[in-house]
C-alpha atoms as a PDB file:
ATOM      1  CA  MET A   1     105.120  -7.244-159.165  1.00  0.00           C
ATOM      2  CA  ALA A   2     102.599  -5.271-161.162  1.00  0.00           C
ATOM      3  CA  GLN A   3      99.120  -6.760-161.739  1.00  0.00           C
ATOM      4  CA  LYS A   4      96.302  -6.231-164.181  1.00  0.00           C
ATOM      5  CA  ILE A   5      93.105  -5.898-162.054  1.00  0.00           C
ATOM      6  CA  LEU A   6      89.482  -5.586-163.211  1.00  0.00           C
ATOM      7  CA  LEU A   7      87.077  -3.893-160.852  1.00  0.00           C
ATOM      8  CA  ILE A   8      83.409  -4.779-161.382  1.00  0.00           C
ATOM      9  CA  ASN A   9      80.508  -2.586-160.165  1.00  0.00           C
ATOM     10  CA  PRO A  10      77.277  -2.402-162.112  1.00  0.00           C
ATOM     11  CA  PHE A  11      75.468  -0.150-159.572  1.00  0.00           C
ATOM     12  CA  GLY A  12      74.654   3.532-159.311  1.00  0.00           C
ATOM     13  CA  ILE A  13      76.716   6.642-158.730  1.00  0.00           C
ATOM     14  CA  GLY A  14      77.033   6.443-154.961  1.00  0.00           C
ATOM     15  CA  ASP A  15      78.113   2.929-154.992  1.00  0.00           C
ATOM     16  CA  VAL A  16      80.784   3.461-157.665  1.00  0.00           C
ATOM     17  CA  LEU A  17      82.181   6.376-155.755  1.00  0.00           C
ATOM     18  CA  PHE A  18      82.371   4.092-152.612  1.00  0.00           C
ATOM     19  CA  THR A  19      84.882   2.074-154.605  1.00  0.00           C
ATOM     20  CA  THR A  20      87.247   4.938-155.309  1.00  0.00           C
ATOM     21  CA  PRO A  21      89.359   4.553-152.058  1.00  0.00           C
ATOM     22  CA  VAL A  22      90.034   1.003-153.206  1.00  0.00           C
ATOM     23  CA  ILE A  23      91.029   2.137-156.679  1.00  0.00           C
ATOM     24  CA  LYS A  24      93.412   4.689-155.275  1.00  0.00           C
ATOM     25  CA  ALA A  25      94.955   2.223-152.790  1.00  0.00           C
ATOM     26  CA  ILE A  26      95.586  -0.355-155.525  1.00  0.00           C
ATOM     27  CA  LYS A  27      97.275   2.191-157.793  1.00  0.00           C
ATOM     28  CA  GLU A  28      99.306   3.864-155.188  1.00  0.00           C
ATOM     29  CA  ASN A  29     100.562   0.511-153.814  1.00  0.00           C
ATOM     30  CA  ASN A  30     102.092  -0.014-157.245  1.00  0.00           C
ATOM     31  CA  PRO A  31     101.720   2.707-159.894  1.00  0.00           C
ATOM     32  CA  LYS A  32     102.454   0.003-162.554  1.00  0.00           C
ATOM     33  CA  ASN A  33      99.241  -1.798-161.704  1.00  0.00           C
ATOM     34  CA  PHE A  34      96.872  -1.730-164.657  1.00  0.00           C
ATOM     35  CA  LEU A  35      93.308  -1.036-163.490  1.00  0.00           C
ATOM     36  CA  GLY A  36      90.188  -1.692-165.629  1.00  0.00           C
ATOM     37  CA  TYR A  37      86.726  -0.723-164.393  1.00  0.00           C
ATOM     38  CA  TRP A  38      83.494  -2.414-165.578  1.00  0.00           C
ATOM     39  CA  CYS A  39      80.535  -0.256-164.801  1.00  0.00           C
ATOM     40  CA  ASN A  40      77.198   0.822-166.375  1.00  0.00           C
ATOM     41  CA  GLU A  41      76.922   3.425-169.071  1.00  0.00           C
ATOM     42  CA  ARG A  42      75.236   6.029-166.883  1.00  0.00           C
ATOM     43  CA  VAL A  43      78.104   6.308-164.413  1.00  0.00           C
ATOM     44  CA  LYS A  44      80.883   6.503-166.888  1.00  0.00           C
ATOM     45  CA  PRO A  45      81.416  10.244-166.445  1.00  0.00           C
ATOM     46  CA  ILE A  46      82.111   9.666-162.720  1.00  0.00           C
ATOM     47  CA  LEU A  47      85.173   7.635-163.690  1.00  0.00           C
ATOM     48  CA  GLU A  48      86.427   9.085-166.940  1.00  0.00           C
ATOM     49  CA  ASN A  49      88.778  11.601-165.492  1.00  0.00           C
ATOM     50  CA  ASN A  50      90.001   9.343-162.667  1.00  0.00           C
ATOM     51  CA  HIS A  51      93.782   9.054-163.357  1.00  0.00           C
ATOM     52  CA  TYR A  52      94.003   5.908-161.287  1.00  0.00           C
ATOM     53  CA  ILE A  53      91.946   4.003-163.860  1.00  0.00           C
ATOM     54  CA  ASP A  54      93.581   2.882-167.114  1.00  0.00           C
ATOM     55  CA  LYS A  55      90.482   1.615-168.981  1.00  0.00           C
ATOM     56  CA  ILE A  56      86.735   1.724-168.585  1.00  0.00           C
ATOM     57  CA  PHE A  57      84.238  -0.921-169.895  1.00  0.00           C
ATOM     58  CA  ALA A  58      80.885   0.904-169.607  1.00  0.00           C
ATOM     59  CA  LEU A  59      78.220  -1.766-170.356  1.00  0.00           C
ATOM     60  CA  SER A  60      76.526  -3.524-167.495  1.00  0.00           C
ATOM     61  CA  ARG A  61      74.096  -6.537-167.566  1.00  0.00           C
ATOM     62  CA  GLY A  62      71.296  -4.001-167.181  1.00  0.00           C
ATOM     63  CA  ASP A  63      72.516  -1.977-170.187  1.00  0.00           C
ATOM     64  CA  LEU A  64      72.745  -5.235-172.268  1.00  0.00           C
ATOM     65  CA  LYS A  65      69.156  -6.137-171.272  1.00  0.00           C
ATOM     66  CA  LYS A  66      67.939  -2.904-172.777  1.00  0.00           C
ATOM     67  CA  ILE A  67      69.824  -3.506-175.983  1.00  0.00           C
ATOM     68  CA  PHE A  68      68.517  -7.045-176.258  1.00  0.00           C
ATOM     69  CA  LYS A  69      64.948  -5.704-175.880  1.00  0.00           C
ATOM     70  CA  LYS A  70      65.368  -3.511-178.892  1.00  0.00           C
ATOM     71  CA  SER A  71      67.315  -5.962-181.001  1.00  0.00           C
ATOM     72  CA  LYS A  72      68.561  -9.536-180.184  1.00  0.00           C
ATOM     73  CA  PHE A  73      71.240  -9.258-182.910  1.00  0.00           C
ATOM     74  CA  LYS A  74      72.544  -5.904-181.507  1.00  0.00           C
ATOM     75  CA  GLY A  75      72.441  -7.448-177.955  1.00  0.00           C
ATOM     76  CA  ILE A  76      74.586 -10.477-178.971  1.00  0.00           C
ATOM     77  CA  LYS A  77      77.010  -8.221-180.915  1.00  0.00           C
ATOM     78  CA  SER A  78      77.372  -5.898-177.885  1.00  0.00           C
ATOM     79  CA  PHE A  79      77.914  -8.758-175.532  1.00  0.00           C
ATOM     80  CA  LEU A  80      80.612 -10.398-177.700  1.00  0.00           C
ATOM     81  CA  LYS A  81      82.363  -7.021-178.204  1.00  0.00           C
ATOM     82  CA  LEU A  82      82.417  -6.460-174.478  1.00  0.00           C
ATOM     83  CA  PHE A  83      83.672  -9.992-173.774  1.00  0.00           C
ATOM     84  CA  PHE A  84      86.548  -9.836-176.202  1.00  0.00           C
ATOM     85  CA  GLU A  85      87.517  -6.230-175.199  1.00  0.00           C
ATOM     86  CA  ILE A  86      87.906  -7.356-171.615  1.00  0.00           C
ATOM     87  CA  LYS A  87      89.505 -10.672-172.450  1.00  0.00           C
ATOM     88  CA  LYS A  88      92.296  -9.179-174.595  1.00  0.00           C
ATOM     89  CA  GLU A  89      93.521  -7.200-171.639  1.00  0.00           C
ATOM     90  CA  GLY A  90      94.439 -10.506-169.825  1.00  0.00           C
ATOM     91  CA  PHE A  91      93.494  -9.504-166.319  1.00  0.00           C
ATOM     92  CA  ASP A  92      95.208 -11.305-163.463  1.00  0.00           C
ATOM     93  CA  ALA A  93      92.505 -10.577-160.928  1.00  0.00           C
ATOM     94  CA  ALA A  94      88.937  -9.384-160.659  1.00  0.00           C
ATOM     95  CA  VAL A  95      87.424  -7.432-157.768  1.00  0.00           C
ATOM     96  CA  ASP A  96      83.740  -8.049-158.005  1.00  0.00           C
ATOM     97  CA  PHE A  97      81.389  -5.715-156.083  1.00  0.00           C
ATOM     98  CA  SER A  98      78.218  -6.825-157.886  1.00  0.00           C
ATOM     99  CA  LEU A  99      76.802  -9.449-155.475  1.00  0.00           C
ATOM    100  CA  ASP A 100      75.681 -11.203-158.632  1.00  0.00           C
ATOM    101  CA  HIS A 101      76.958 -14.703-159.515  1.00  0.00           C
ATOM    102  CA  ARG A 102      76.666 -13.888-163.232  1.00  0.00           C
ATOM    103  CA  TYR A 103      79.501 -11.428-163.055  1.00  0.00           C
ATOM    104  CA  GLY A 104      81.625 -14.078-161.271  1.00  0.00           C
ATOM    105  CA  LEU A 105      80.816 -16.521-163.971  1.00  0.00           C
ATOM    106  CA  PHE A 106      81.661 -14.010-166.663  1.00  0.00           C
ATOM    107  CA  SER A 107      85.008 -13.425-165.028  1.00  0.00           C
ATOM    108  CA  LYS A 108      85.728 -17.117-164.886  1.00  0.00           C
ATOM    109  CA  LEU A 109      84.867 -17.498-168.634  1.00  0.00           C
ATOM    110  CA  LEU A 110      87.271 -14.630-169.301  1.00  0.00           C
ATOM    111  CA  GLY A 111      90.013 -16.684-167.833  1.00  0.00           C
ATOM    112  CA  ILE A 112      90.600 -14.403-164.853  1.00  0.00           C
ATOM    113  CA  LYS A 113      92.157 -16.724-162.238  1.00  0.00           C
ATOM    114  CA  LYS A 114      91.805 -14.717-159.077  1.00  0.00           C
ATOM    115  CA  ARG A 115      88.305 -13.520-158.468  1.00  0.00           C
ATOM    116  CA  ILE A 116      87.607 -11.714-155.243  1.00  0.00           C
ATOM    117  CA  GLY A 117      84.254 -10.478-153.935  1.00  0.00           C
ATOM    118  CA  PHE A 118      81.329 -10.831-151.582  1.00  0.00           C
ATOM    119  CA  ASP A 119      79.411 -14.059-151.044  1.00  0.00           C
ATOM    120  CA  TYR A 120      75.935 -12.885-150.379  1.00  0.00           C
ATOM    121  CA  LYS A 121      73.221 -15.698-150.441  1.00  0.00           C
ATOM    122  CA  ASN A 122      75.754 -17.952-152.205  1.00  0.00           C
ATOM    123  CA  ARG A 123      76.037 -15.459-155.112  1.00  0.00           C
ATOM    124  CA  GLY A 124      79.744 -15.725-154.851  1.00  0.00           C
ATOM    125  CA  ARG A 125      79.932 -19.286-155.991  1.00  0.00           C
ATOM    126  CA  PHE A 126      82.268 -18.491-158.953  1.00  0.00           C
ATOM    127  CA  LEU A 127      84.700 -16.415-156.873  1.00  0.00           C
ATOM    128  CA  THR A 128      88.028 -17.864-155.731  1.00  0.00           C
ATOM    129  CA  GLU A 129      88.294 -15.483-152.696  1.00  0.00           C
ATOM    130  CA  LYS A 130      84.957 -14.994-150.949  1.00  0.00           C
ATOM    131  CA  ILE A 131      83.983 -12.607-148.180  1.00  0.00           C
ATOM    132  CA  LYS A 132      80.804 -13.952-146.500  1.00  0.00           C
ATOM    133  CA  ILE A 133      78.243 -11.246-145.764  1.00  0.00           C
ATOM    134  CA  GLU A 134      74.548 -11.175-144.797  1.00  0.00           C
ATOM    135  CA  GLY A 135      74.157  -7.577-145.979  1.00  0.00           C
ATOM    136  CA  TYR A 136      75.786  -4.270-145.240  1.00  0.00           C
ATOM    137  CA  LYS A 137      75.238  -3.261-141.669  1.00  0.00           C
ATOM    138  CA  ASP A 138      77.011  -1.685-138.646  1.00  0.00           C
ATOM    139  CA  LYS A 139      79.757  -0.040-140.797  1.00  0.00           C
ATOM    140  CA  HIS A 140      79.933   2.006-143.952  1.00  0.00           C
ATOM    141  CA  ILE A 141      79.990   0.243-147.333  1.00  0.00           C
ATOM    142  CA  VAL A 142      83.446   1.870-148.058  1.00  0.00           C
ATOM    143  CA  GLU A 143      84.820  -0.101-145.037  1.00  0.00           C
ATOM    144  CA  TYR A 144      83.456  -3.319-146.532  1.00  0.00           C
ATOM    145  CA  TYR A 145      85.043  -2.550-149.786  1.00  0.00           C
ATOM    146  CA  LEU A 146      88.360  -1.726-148.198  1.00  0.00           C
ATOM    147  CA  ASP A 147      88.364  -5.225-146.595  1.00  0.00           C
ATOM    148  CA  ILE A 148      88.940  -6.587-150.042  1.00  0.00           C
ATOM    149  CA  LEU A 149      92.434  -5.066-150.193  1.00  0.00           C
ATOM    150  CA  ARG A 150      93.897  -7.775-147.924  1.00  0.00           C
ATOM    151  CA  TYR A 151      93.139 -10.417-150.644  1.00  0.00           C
ATOM    152  CA  LEU A 152      95.469  -8.358-152.848  1.00  0.00           C
ATOM    153  CA  ASP A 153      98.098  -8.035-150.219  1.00  0.00           C
ATOM    154  CA  ILE A 154      97.634  -4.267-150.295  1.00  0.00           C
ATOM    155  CA  PRO A 155      97.642  -2.260-147.022  1.00  0.00           C
ATOM    156  CA  ARG A 156      94.566  -0.425-145.970  1.00  0.00           C
ATOM    157  CA  PRO A 157      94.908   3.384-146.437  1.00  0.00           C
ATOM    158  CA  THR A 158      95.049   5.428-143.215  1.00  0.00           C
ATOM    159  CA  ASN A 159      92.731   8.249-144.345  1.00  0.00           C
ATOM    160  CA  PRO A 160      90.521   7.047-147.126  1.00  0.00           C
ATOM    161  CA  ASN A 161      88.291   9.506-149.074  1.00  0.00           C
ATOM    162  CA  LEU A 162      86.040   9.410-152.051  1.00  0.00           C
ATOM    163  CA  ASN A 163      87.631  10.645-155.274  1.00  0.00           C
ATOM    164  CA  LEU A 164      86.133  12.527-158.211  1.00  0.00           C
ATOM    165  CA  PHE A 165      88.076  14.529-160.777  1.00  0.00           C
ATOM    166  CA  ILE A 166      87.051  17.415-163.071  1.00  0.00           C
ATOM    167  CA  LEU A 167      89.248  18.803-165.786  1.00  0.00           C
ATOM    168  CA  PRO A 168      90.137  22.451-165.744  1.00  0.00           C
ATOM    169  CA  GLU A 169      88.417  23.107-169.095  1.00  0.00           C
ATOM    170  CA  ASP A 170      85.170  21.689-167.740  1.00  0.00           C
ATOM    171  CA  LYS A 171      85.435  24.069-164.718  1.00  0.00           C
ATOM    172  CA  ILE A 172      85.716  27.015-167.207  1.00  0.00           C
ATOM    173  CA  TRP A 173      82.459  25.876-168.761  1.00  0.00           C
ATOM    174  CA  ALA A 174      80.804  26.031-165.319  1.00  0.00           C
ATOM    175  CA  ASP A 175      82.222  29.553-164.727  1.00  0.00           C
ATOM    176  CA  ASN A 176      80.795  30.734-168.057  1.00  0.00           C
ATOM    177  CA  PHE A 177      77.416  29.062-167.351  1.00  0.00           C
ATOM    178  CA  LEU A 178      77.081  30.775-163.965  1.00  0.00           C
ATOM    179  CA  ARG A 179      78.128  34.132-165.466  1.00  0.00           C
ATOM    180  CA  GLN A 180      75.348  33.814-168.113  1.00  0.00           C
ATOM    181  CA  HIS A 181      72.904  33.348-165.236  1.00  0.00           C
ATOM    182  CA  ASN A 182      74.178  36.485-163.446  1.00  0.00           C
ATOM    183  CA  ILE A 183      75.861  34.521-160.667  1.00  0.00           C
ATOM    184  CA  LYS A 184      79.151  36.070-159.500  1.00  0.00           C
ATOM    185  CA  ASP A 185      82.200  34.373-158.047  1.00  0.00           C
ATOM    186  CA  ASN A 186      81.474  35.663-154.623  1.00  0.00           C
ATOM    187  CA  ASP A 187      77.764  34.873-154.525  1.00  0.00           C
ATOM    188  CA  LEU A 188      76.478  32.424-151.949  1.00  0.00           C
ATOM    189  CA  LEU A 189      75.422  29.540-154.098  1.00  0.00           C
ATOM    190  CA  ILE A 190      73.223  26.808-152.694  1.00  0.00           C
ATOM    191  CA  GLY A 191      72.404  23.625-154.526  1.00  0.00           C
ATOM    192  CA  ILE A 192      69.075  21.871-153.878  1.00  0.00           C
ATOM    193  CA  ALA A 193      68.508  18.238-155.083  1.00  0.00           C
ATOM    194  CA  PRO A 194      64.880  17.554-154.063  1.00  0.00           C
ATOM    195  CA  CYS A 195      64.542  14.187-155.720  1.00  0.00           C
ATOM    196  CA  GLY A 196      67.256  11.600-156.390  1.00  0.00           C
ATOM    197  CA  GLY A 197      67.494   7.871-155.544  1.00  0.00           C
ATOM    198  CA  ALA A 198      67.149   6.695-159.158  1.00  0.00           C
ATOM    199  CA  SER A 199      68.573   3.271-158.349  1.00  0.00           C
ATOM    200  CA  TRP A 200      65.462   2.578-156.325  1.00  0.00           C
ATOM    201  CA  GLY A 201      63.298   2.959-159.443  1.00  0.00           C
ATOM    202  CA  ARG A 202      59.595   3.528-158.646  1.00  0.00           C
ATOM    203  CA  ASN A 203      60.313   3.406-154.903  1.00  0.00           C
ATOM    204  CA  ALA A 204      62.607   6.388-155.009  1.00  0.00           C
ATOM    205  CA  TYR A 205      59.819   8.548-153.542  1.00  0.00           C
ATOM    206  CA  LEU A 206      60.377   6.672-150.219  1.00  0.00           C
ATOM    207  CA  LYS A 207      63.651   8.688-149.878  1.00  0.00           C
ATOM    208  CA  HIS A 208      62.136  12.061-150.709  1.00  0.00           C
ATOM    209  CA  TRP A 209      61.510  14.758-148.167  1.00  0.00           C
ATOM    210  CA  PRO A 210      58.202  16.470-149.072  1.00  0.00           C
ATOM    211  CA  LYS A 211      58.564  18.949-151.958  1.00  0.00           C
ATOM    212  CA  GLU A 212      56.536  21.504-149.954  1.00  0.00           C
ATOM    213  CA  ARG A 213      59.231  21.438-147.270  1.00  0.00           C
ATOM    214  CA  PHE A 214      61.867  22.124-149.834  1.00  0.00           C
ATOM    215  CA  VAL A 215      59.835  25.225-151.015  1.00  0.00           C
ATOM    216  CA  GLU A 216      59.596  26.502-147.338  1.00  0.00           C
ATOM    217  CA  LEU A 217      63.307  25.867-146.798  1.00  0.00           C
ATOM    218  CA  CYS A 218      64.301  27.704-150.070  1.00  0.00           C
ATOM    219  CA  LYS A 219      62.072  30.652-149.135  1.00  0.00           C
ATOM    220  CA  LYS A 220      63.738  30.879-145.662  1.00  0.00           C
ATOM    221  CA  ILE A 221      67.165  30.841-147.234  1.00  0.00           C
ATOM    222  CA  LEU A 222      66.280  33.513-149.811  1.00  0.00           C
ATOM    223  CA  ASP A 223      64.584  35.679-147.224  1.00  0.00           C
ATOM    224  CA  ASN A 224      67.568  35.531-144.830  1.00  0.00           C
ATOM    225  CA  TYR A 225      70.593  35.341-147.084  1.00  0.00           C
ATOM    226  CA  SER A 226      71.669  37.071-150.265  1.00  0.00           C
ATOM    227  CA  ALA A 227      71.834  33.597-151.912  1.00  0.00           C
ATOM    228  CA  LYS A 228      71.335  32.135-155.372  1.00  0.00           C
ATOM    229  CA  ILE A 229      69.727  28.653-155.634  1.00  0.00           C
ATOM    230  CA  LEU A 230      70.332  26.048-158.241  1.00  0.00           C
ATOM    231  CA  LEU A 231      67.668  23.284-158.467  1.00  0.00           C
ATOM    232  CA  PHE A 232      69.226  19.995-159.642  1.00  0.00           C
ATOM    233  CA  ALA A 233      67.235  17.074-161.034  1.00  0.00           C
ATOM    234  CA  ASP A 234      66.933  14.586-163.845  1.00  0.00           C
ATOM    235  CA  ILE A 235      64.310  15.094-166.576  1.00  0.00           C
ATOM    236  CA  GLU A 236      62.087  12.414-164.944  1.00  0.00           C
ATOM    237  CA  GLU A 237      61.945  14.683-161.806  1.00  0.00           C
ATOM    238  CA  LYS A 238      61.099  17.843-163.685  1.00  0.00           C
ATOM    239  CA  GLU A 239      57.590  17.999-162.482  1.00  0.00           C
ATOM    240  CA  THR A 240      58.699  18.253-158.820  1.00  0.00           C
ATOM    241  CA  VAL A 241      61.303  20.899-159.578  1.00  0.00           C
ATOM    242  CA  ASP A 242      58.970  22.957-161.765  1.00  0.00           C
ATOM    243  CA  TYR A 243      56.565  23.020-158.785  1.00  0.00           C
ATOM    244  CA  ILE A 244      59.291  24.204-156.450  1.00  0.00           C
ATOM    245  CA  GLN A 245      60.427  26.967-158.859  1.00  0.00           C
ATOM    246  CA  LYS A 246      56.866  28.113-159.344  1.00  0.00           C
ATOM    247  CA  MET A 247      56.185  28.347-155.622  1.00  0.00           C
ATOM    248  CA  LEU A 248      59.415  30.339-155.342  1.00  0.00           C
ATOM    249  CA  ASP A 249      58.220  32.889-157.941  1.00  0.00           C
ATOM    250  CA  ASN A 250      61.084  31.824-160.162  1.00  0.00           C
ATOM    251  CA  ARG A 251      63.668  32.976-157.648  1.00  0.00           C
ATOM    252  CA  ALA A 252      65.672  29.801-158.279  1.00  0.00           C
ATOM    253  CA  ILE A 253      67.354  28.449-161.372  1.00  0.00           C
ATOM    254  CA  ASN A 254      65.656  25.262-162.564  1.00  0.00           C
ATOM    255  CA  LEU A 255      68.199  22.870-164.077  1.00  0.00           C
ATOM    256  CA  ALA A 256      65.964  19.783-164.198  1.00  0.00           C
ATOM    257  CA  GLY A 257      66.841  17.750-167.312  1.00  0.00           C
ATOM    258  CA  ARG A 258      69.071  20.522-168.655  1.00  0.00           C
ATOM    259  CA  LEU A 259      72.442  19.068-167.804  1.00  0.00           C
ATOM    260  CA  SER A 260      74.581  16.060-168.712  1.00  0.00           C
ATOM    261  CA  LEU A 261      76.007  14.243-165.705  1.00  0.00           C
ATOM    262  CA  LEU A 262      79.462  15.894-166.418  1.00  0.00           C
ATOM    263  CA  GLU A 263      77.842  19.355-166.562  1.00  0.00           C
ATOM    264  CA  TYR A 264      76.068  18.647-163.295  1.00  0.00           C
ATOM    265  CA  LEU A 265      79.420  17.776-161.661  1.00  0.00           C
ATOM    266  CA  CYS A 266      80.951  20.966-162.905  1.00  0.00           C
ATOM    267  CA  LEU A 267      78.211  23.162-161.510  1.00  0.00           C
ATOM    268  CA  LEU A 268      78.034  21.100-158.320  1.00  0.00           C
ATOM    269  CA  SER A 269      81.731  21.785-157.701  1.00  0.00           C
ATOM    270  CA  LYS A 270      80.829  25.545-157.566  1.00  0.00           C
ATOM    271  CA  VAL A 271      78.126  25.470-154.863  1.00  0.00           C
ATOM    272  CA  ASN A 272      78.801  26.387-151.262  1.00  0.00           C
ATOM    273  CA  ILE A 273      76.366  23.842-149.835  1.00  0.00           C
ATOM    274  CA  LEU A 274      74.249  21.021-151.391  1.00  0.00           C
ATOM    275  CA  ILE A 275      71.008  20.142-149.646  1.00  0.00           C
ATOM    276  CA  THR A 276      69.725  16.723-150.885  1.00  0.00           C
ATOM    277  CA  ASN A 277      67.784  13.676-150.125  1.00  0.00           C
ATOM    278  CA  ASP A 278      69.560  10.408-149.475  1.00  0.00           C
ATOM    279  CA  SER A 279      71.054   9.812-153.054  1.00  0.00           C
ATOM    280  CA  GLY A 280      74.189   9.740-155.084  1.00  0.00           C
ATOM    281  CA  ASN A 281      74.130  13.549-154.939  1.00  0.00           C
ATOM    282  CA  ILE A 282      75.607  13.398-151.451  1.00  0.00           C
ATOM    283  CA  HIS A 283      78.555  11.344-152.488  1.00  0.00           C
ATOM    284  CA  MET A 284      79.312  13.347-155.598  1.00  0.00           C
ATOM    285  CA  ALA A 285      79.337  16.548-153.522  1.00  0.00           C
ATOM    286  CA  ASN A 286      81.402  14.913-150.824  1.00  0.00           C
ATOM    287  CA  ALA A 287      83.981  13.679-153.389  1.00  0.00           C
ATOM    288  CA  LEU A 288      84.217  17.204-154.754  1.00  0.00           C
ATOM    289  CA  GLY A 289      84.831  18.765-151.356  1.00  0.00           C
ATOM    290  CA  ILE A 290      81.391  20.381-151.139  1.00  0.00           C
ATOM    291  CA  LYS A 291      79.598  20.741-147.845  1.00  0.00           C
ATOM    292  CA  THR A 292      76.337  18.726-147.646  1.00  0.00           C
ATOM    293  CA  ILE A 293      73.167  18.519-145.742  1.00  0.00           C
ATOM    294  CA  SER A 294      71.457  15.184-146.401  1.00  0.00           C
ATOM    295  CA  ILE A 295      68.011  14.007-145.384  1.00  0.00           C
ATOM    296  CA  PHE A 296      67.739  10.409-144.518  1.00  0.00           C
ATOM    297  CA  GLY A 297      64.581   8.338-144.108  1.00  0.00           C
ATOM    298  CA  PRO A 298      64.431   4.525-144.363  1.00  0.00           C
ATOM    299  CA  VAL A 299      68.184   4.077-144.964  1.00  0.00           C
ATOM    300  CA  ASP A 300      70.930   3.723-142.378  1.00  0.00           C
ATOM    301  CA  GLU A 301      73.233   6.726-142.660  1.00  0.00           C
ATOM    302  CA  LYS A 302      75.936   4.816-140.888  1.00  0.00           C
ATOM    303  CA  VAL A 303      76.136   2.473-143.831  1.00  0.00           C
ATOM    304  CA  TYR A 304      75.124   4.648-146.812  1.00  0.00           C
ATOM    305  CA  GLY A 305      75.806   8.235-145.525  1.00  0.00           C
ATOM    306  CA  PRO A 306      78.613  10.642-146.135  1.00  0.00           C
ATOM    307  CA  TYR A 307      82.068   9.131-145.872  1.00  0.00           C
ATOM    308  CA  PRO A 308      84.133   9.693-143.893  1.00  0.00           C
ATOM    309  CA  GLU A 309      82.098  11.483-141.175  1.00  0.00           C
ATOM    310  CA  SER A 310      82.931  15.215-141.022  1.00  0.00           C
ATOM    311  CA  LYS A 311      81.584  18.436-139.590  1.00  0.00           C
ATOM    312  CA  ASN A 312      81.114  19.521-143.201  1.00  0.00           C
ATOM    313  CA  HIS A 313      78.491  16.878-143.754  1.00  0.00           C
ATOM    314  CA  ILE A 314      75.374  17.139-141.734  1.00  0.00           C
ATOM    315  CA  VAL A 315      72.810  14.241-141.740  1.00  0.00           C
ATOM    316  CA  ILE A 316      69.273  15.037-140.790  1.00  0.00           C
ATOM    317  CA  LYS A 317      67.265  12.014-139.572  1.00  0.00           C
ATOM    318  CA  LYS A 318      64.637  10.960-137.007  1.00  0.00           C
ATOM    319  CA  ASP A 319      65.553   8.308-134.522  1.00  0.00           C
ATOM    320  CA  LEU A 320      62.393   6.211-134.686  1.00  0.00           C
ATOM    321  CA  PRO A 321      62.062   2.553-133.548  1.00  0.00           C
ATOM    322  CA  CYS A 322      61.160   1.512-137.140  1.00  0.00           C
ATOM    323  CA  ARG A 323      64.205   3.032-138.809  1.00  0.00           C
ATOM    324  CA  PRO A 324      66.323   2.179-140.599  1.00  0.00           C
ATOM    325  CA  CYS A 325      63.925  -0.278-142.190  1.00  0.00           C
ATOM    326  CA  TYR A 326      65.926  -0.736-145.406  1.00  0.00           C
ATOM    327  CA  LYS A 327      67.867  -3.932-144.704  1.00  0.00           C
ATOM    328  CA  ASN A 328      69.490  -6.669-146.845  1.00  0.00           C
ATOM    329  CA  PHE A 329      68.620  -4.545-149.992  1.00  0.00           C
ATOM    330  CA  LYS A 330      64.887  -4.701-149.230  1.00  0.00           C
ATOM    331  CA  ILE A 331      62.438  -1.977-148.259  1.00  0.00           C
ATOM    332  CA  PRO A 332      59.267  -3.110-146.461  1.00  0.00           C
ATOM    333  CA  GLU A 333      55.937  -1.423-146.919  1.00  0.00           C
ATOM    334  CA  CYS A 334      55.760   1.626-144.620  1.00  0.00           C
ATOM    335  CA  LYS A 335      52.980   1.392-141.921  1.00  0.00           C
ATOM    336  CA  TYR A 336      53.822   4.831-140.502  1.00  0.00           C
ATOM    337  CA  ASP A 337      53.112   7.242-143.373  1.00  0.00           C
ATOM    338  CA  LEU A 338      56.885   7.920-143.823  1.00  0.00           C
ATOM    339  CA  ASN A 339      57.112   9.653-140.475  1.00  0.00           C
ATOM    340  CA  CYS A 340      60.917   9.274-140.689  1.00  0.00           C
ATOM    341  CA  LEU A 341      60.880  11.944-143.433  1.00  0.00           C
ATOM    342  CA  LYS A 342      57.708  13.836-142.720  1.00  0.00           C
ATOM    343  CA  GLY A 343      58.809  14.291-139.146  1.00  0.00           C
ATOM    344  CA  ILE A 344      61.784  16.304-140.228  1.00  0.00           C
ATOM    345  CA  SER A 345      60.945  20.021-139.968  1.00  0.00           C
ATOM    346  CA  VAL A 346      62.046  22.890-142.135  1.00  0.00           C
ATOM    347  CA  GLU A 347      63.520  24.556-139.082  1.00  0.00           C
ATOM    348  CA  GLU A 348      65.865  21.590-138.480  1.00  0.00           C
ATOM    349  CA  VAL A 349      67.267  21.700-141.921  1.00  0.00           C
ATOM    350  CA  TYR A 350      67.518  25.485-141.916  1.00  0.00           C
ATOM    351  CA  LEU A 351      69.470  25.382-138.640  1.00  0.00           C
ATOM    352  CA  ALA A 352      71.962  22.977-140.404  1.00  0.00           C
ATOM    353  CA  VAL A 353      72.383  25.525-143.194  1.00  0.00           C
ATOM    354  CA  LYS A 354      73.137  28.246-140.681  1.00  0.00           C
ATOM    355  CA  ASN A 355      75.608  26.079-138.867  1.00  0.00           C
ATOM    356  CA  LEU A 356      77.508  25.128-142.103  1.00  0.00           C
ATOM    357  CA  LEU A 357      77.609  28.801-143.133  1.00  0.00           C
ATOM    358  CA  LYS A 358      79.107  29.723-139.808  1.00  0.00           C
ATOM    359  CA  GLY A 359      81.809  27.098-140.182  1.00  0.00           C
END
């Protein structure tokens, strides 16, 4: 029997991509299932072309808070519009990835009878089906998410992968863009994302390999390969990318703040390798079938790293007694001058580049 199921995830890009194997499993189990997805505005382009999803509700609690700050009237209006848009769909079940009791309460008020999710610190008190967790550890988040399928009587997929879809016309835009920048189809194209980790806010720098190392790495690649480099970053990260471009004597294309998320995805789909800090960039590239080299510091790569593990995804890390120190969604003050990141040499990352290009 077909069901109408609402998936709830207000988090960032990587976390939303971690739910895509669940989405696919639900839809493939019964193509007549109607799937709604409630996310934040920023990640909407990640889901828009996903043919397993029937309707997107892109307005999270965080988005509503921003609207309320500007205008209480607009905030109330937006909230009510969202509430009634979801309610009119008449969902049978909600799969709540939020770890926030307010989403469970919202689902209950919507009249959704079956509410499945994680009970972290008693935040699942409005759920009808609760999975008790103390945090994510020892296995990848995707594996935690797939555990939810049993509450929907849906078999676990045998070879789950992250999913991300780009339309043919958008790929044509990327081809034209690269042509305008004198990049040919057979050029070796390396993507560099030297920042990232926006979901950590002002603590994002705790995930960043030093920008000076990225400069050295890019120089090494340019000196040894006939490669073109694209520097990817948000507008807030422009200062770092401007520095890297300057140190490279403008031998890289600086795209900081120049692309929408969809445009970024289109160009990302064209690179041969993406080199990035621990961030959503890894998971977007992975979902697009792009090889990655990811640099991990405080975060456990077994939980938040590339999924599934593959020779096409190399994680660079330092096995120090203090790492991973990010646990139960908290990051302590570092007493070791970020040695987990600063201890990673340019040579280590460059060797990973060589290995991926061989393969």
